[in-house]
Each structure stands twice: as C-alpha cells, then as structure tokens.
Protein backbone atom coordinates (compact mmCIF):
# COMPACT_ATOMS: atom_id res chain seq x y z
CA MET A 1 8.13 15.82 -55.66
CA THR A 2 8.83 16.31 -51.95
CA GLY A 3 8.64 12.83 -50.45
CA LEU A 4 9.85 9.43 -51.59
CA ALA A 5 9.93 6.04 -49.83
CA TRP A 6 10.79 2.47 -50.83
CA ALA A 7 8.33 -0.27 -49.91
CA PRO A 8 9.65 -3.06 -47.69
CA ASP A 9 9.33 -5.48 -50.63
CA GLY A 10 11.53 -3.26 -52.83
CA GLN A 11 8.99 -3.38 -55.67
CA ARG A 12 7.11 -0.12 -55.03
CA ILE A 13 7.92 3.50 -54.32
CA ALA A 14 5.56 5.89 -52.54
CA LEU A 15 5.82 9.48 -53.66
CA VAL A 16 4.39 12.84 -52.71
CA VAL A 17 3.73 15.12 -55.67
CA GLY A 18 2.55 18.67 -54.98
CA GLY A 19 -0.81 19.45 -56.55
CA TRP A 20 -1.48 15.74 -57.17
CA GLY A 21 -1.20 13.80 -53.92
CA ILE A 22 0.34 10.59 -52.66
CA GLY A 23 0.91 7.85 -55.19
CA VAL A 24 2.51 4.43 -55.42
CA LEU A 25 4.77 3.56 -58.32
CA ASP A 26 4.81 -0.18 -59.06
CA LEU A 27 8.26 -1.04 -60.39
CA GLY A 28 7.19 -4.61 -61.13
CA LEU A 29 4.66 -3.53 -63.76
CA LYS A 30 6.26 -4.67 -67.01
CA GLY A 31 5.92 -2.84 -70.28
CA SER A 32 4.59 0.48 -69.02
CA ASP A 33 6.08 3.89 -68.48
CA LEU A 34 6.52 5.33 -64.99
CA LEU A 35 3.45 7.54 -65.15
CA ALA A 36 1.24 4.62 -66.20
CA ALA A 37 2.69 2.51 -63.37
CA THR A 38 1.82 5.15 -60.74
CA ARG A 39 -1.49 4.89 -58.89
CA LEU A 40 -2.99 7.75 -56.87
CA VAL A 41 -3.59 6.62 -53.27
CA LYS A 42 -4.81 9.92 -51.81
CA PRO A 43 -5.38 13.22 -53.67
CA SER A 44 -3.70 16.34 -52.33
CA ASN A 45 -6.98 18.24 -51.96
CA ASP A 46 -7.66 16.05 -48.88
CA LEU A 47 -4.14 16.54 -47.50
CA PRO A 48 -2.82 20.10 -47.19
CA PHE A 49 0.91 20.81 -46.98
CA LEU A 50 2.14 17.33 -47.89
CA GLU A 51 5.85 16.75 -47.34
CA SER A 52 7.06 13.32 -46.21
CA VAL A 53 5.88 9.77 -46.74
CA ALA A 54 6.99 6.36 -45.42
CA TYR A 55 5.75 2.78 -45.62
CA THR A 56 4.62 0.90 -42.54
CA PRO A 57 6.86 -2.13 -41.88
CA ASP A 58 4.26 -4.50 -43.36
CA GLY A 59 3.95 -2.36 -46.52
CA ARG A 60 0.14 -2.19 -46.31
CA ALA A 61 -0.15 1.49 -45.39
CA LEU A 62 1.64 4.80 -45.73
CA ILE A 63 2.53 7.26 -42.99
CA CYS A 64 2.47 10.85 -44.19
CA SER A 65 2.52 14.36 -42.84
CA ALA A 66 -0.35 16.64 -43.86
CA GLY A 67 0.69 19.89 -42.25
CA HIS A 68 1.48 18.91 -38.67
CA ALA A 69 -0.91 15.95 -38.64
CA ILE A 70 0.72 12.54 -38.99
CA MET A 71 -1.64 10.20 -40.82
CA ARG A 72 -1.86 6.50 -41.64
CA ILE A 73 -3.33 5.88 -45.10
CA PRO A 74 -4.11 2.32 -46.22
CA ILE A 75 -2.76 1.61 -49.70
CA GLU A 76 -5.48 -0.78 -50.83
CA GLY A 77 -8.41 0.87 -49.03
CA GLY A 78 -10.58 -1.19 -46.74
CA GLU A 79 -10.26 1.32 -43.91
CA GLU A 80 -10.34 5.08 -43.58
CA PRO A 81 -7.17 7.14 -43.20
CA ARG A 82 -6.62 8.15 -39.59
CA VAL A 83 -4.62 10.73 -37.70
CA LEU A 84 -1.98 9.09 -35.50
CA ALA A 85 -0.59 12.26 -33.94
CA ARG A 86 -0.75 16.03 -34.15
CA VAL A 87 2.66 17.59 -33.76
CA THR A 88 2.79 20.83 -31.80
CA SER A 89 5.48 22.95 -33.37
CA PRO A 90 6.88 26.36 -32.47
CA ALA A 91 5.20 29.38 -34.03
CA ASP A 92 8.12 29.87 -36.43
CA ALA A 93 7.98 26.28 -37.74
CA SER A 94 7.20 25.50 -41.35
CA LEU A 95 3.67 24.43 -42.27
CA THR A 96 5.17 21.23 -43.66
CA LEU A 97 6.88 18.48 -41.69
CA ARG A 98 9.80 16.43 -43.04
CA PHE A 99 10.28 13.25 -41.04
CA SER A 100 11.96 9.87 -40.87
CA LEU A 101 10.12 6.76 -39.65
CA ASP A 102 12.02 4.15 -37.63
CA GLY A 103 12.15 0.48 -38.69
CA THR A 104 9.39 -0.55 -36.29
CA GLY A 105 6.95 2.03 -37.63
CA ARG A 106 6.26 3.28 -34.11
CA TYR A 107 8.54 6.32 -33.88
CA LEU A 108 8.88 9.29 -36.14
CA LEU A 109 11.82 11.70 -36.03
CA TYR A 110 11.73 15.32 -37.16
CA VAL A 111 14.00 18.30 -36.67
CA HIS A 112 13.25 21.99 -36.19
CA ARG A 113 16.04 24.55 -35.81
CA TRP A 114 18.70 22.19 -34.52
CA ARG A 115 16.34 20.43 -32.12
CA GLY A 116 15.19 16.87 -32.71
CA PHE A 117 11.82 15.45 -31.71
CA ARG A 118 10.63 11.84 -31.45
CA VAL A 119 6.90 11.27 -31.92
CA ASP A 120 5.42 8.04 -30.56
CA LEU A 121 2.74 7.07 -33.08
CA ALA A 122 1.16 4.64 -30.60
CA ASN A 123 0.14 7.39 -28.16
CA GLY A 124 0.87 10.68 -29.97
CA SER A 125 3.42 11.92 -27.43
CA THR A 126 6.42 14.00 -28.47
CA THR A 127 9.82 13.81 -26.76
CA PRO A 128 12.63 16.32 -27.43
CA MET A 129 15.91 14.73 -28.52
CA PRO A 130 19.05 16.86 -28.34
CA ILE A 131 21.27 17.15 -31.38
CA LYS A 132 24.87 17.15 -30.28
CA THR A 133 27.66 18.02 -32.64
CA ASP A 134 31.02 19.64 -32.23
CA GLU A 135 30.09 22.47 -34.53
CA HIS A 136 26.78 23.80 -35.68
CA PRO A 137 25.58 27.34 -36.03
CA GLY A 138 22.46 26.90 -33.92
CA GLU A 139 20.71 29.10 -36.42
CA GLY A 140 19.42 28.89 -39.94
CA ASP A 141 18.14 25.83 -41.72
CA SER A 142 17.41 22.71 -39.74
CA PRO A 143 19.63 19.73 -40.45
CA ASN A 144 18.23 16.62 -42.07
CA ALA A 145 17.88 13.64 -39.77
CA ALA A 146 17.07 9.96 -40.24
CA TRP A 147 16.89 6.84 -38.08
C-alpha cells in the first residue's frame, strides 16, 4: 500500500494498493472484515505508477497521481475520470508522485530533491516553493511535505 487518505466524513479510507488499484474501505460496514468492506474504485491497469490519493473536500471524488498526471476520479461513478494537471518533473524525478492536497482541494504540494512545488488544480500551473531550513543536505532523498 502506497497511499492512504481519510474521507471528510471520517467513515471511509481511500487506499492505493499496487497491482490492484484505488479502493475505498467503508469503516461503517458492520459485521464484515476489512477486505470485504473494501470496494475497488479504479483498477491499477488503467493507472500506471500509482502513489498518492486524497479525497476532495466534499468526499465525492478522489485525487490521485498516476505517474505525473494528477487525476480526479469520482467514487460513485456518474462521470469519467479526468486529468486535472500534468506535472513536468526533472529528468531524474521518480515515475511516481507523492503529494499532499490542501484543505480546499485546489492546491497540491509535492517535493523533489529539496524543492517544493505547488500545483493549481484549477488551471494546471506549477509554482516552485522554496524549502527553507537551517540544516539540510541538499542532496539525497526528498523530504516529506504536507499542508
């Protein structure tokens, strides 16, 4: 499992499971085990290089990264998944993208090699955001970041 997110109502958890896809675990389902309470929302064969997942503020859709494409996937169907943004990353970036979604659902934050980036999901633009600390190596693994 690489991604996990609580629903705004606190009753469901979205999860990314490699080789399976994106699912929703309903914690309010009484009398069943966790596997039986998990419903597949989108299989992984449609979404390469899955990493992160987040709920939209209204809880009706999921935001996920499939490679460097940021997608909105409705939980109950009714509309097709759509690409909100395509992140342009440096050549040495991972094929997966770990992100944090802000409380409004409009901005996504990700980090690559000690540089932060804010993606506006309304227009797809990316803005660099400096990471300032007293001490960091400037090399190696990227730090984790969250709103």
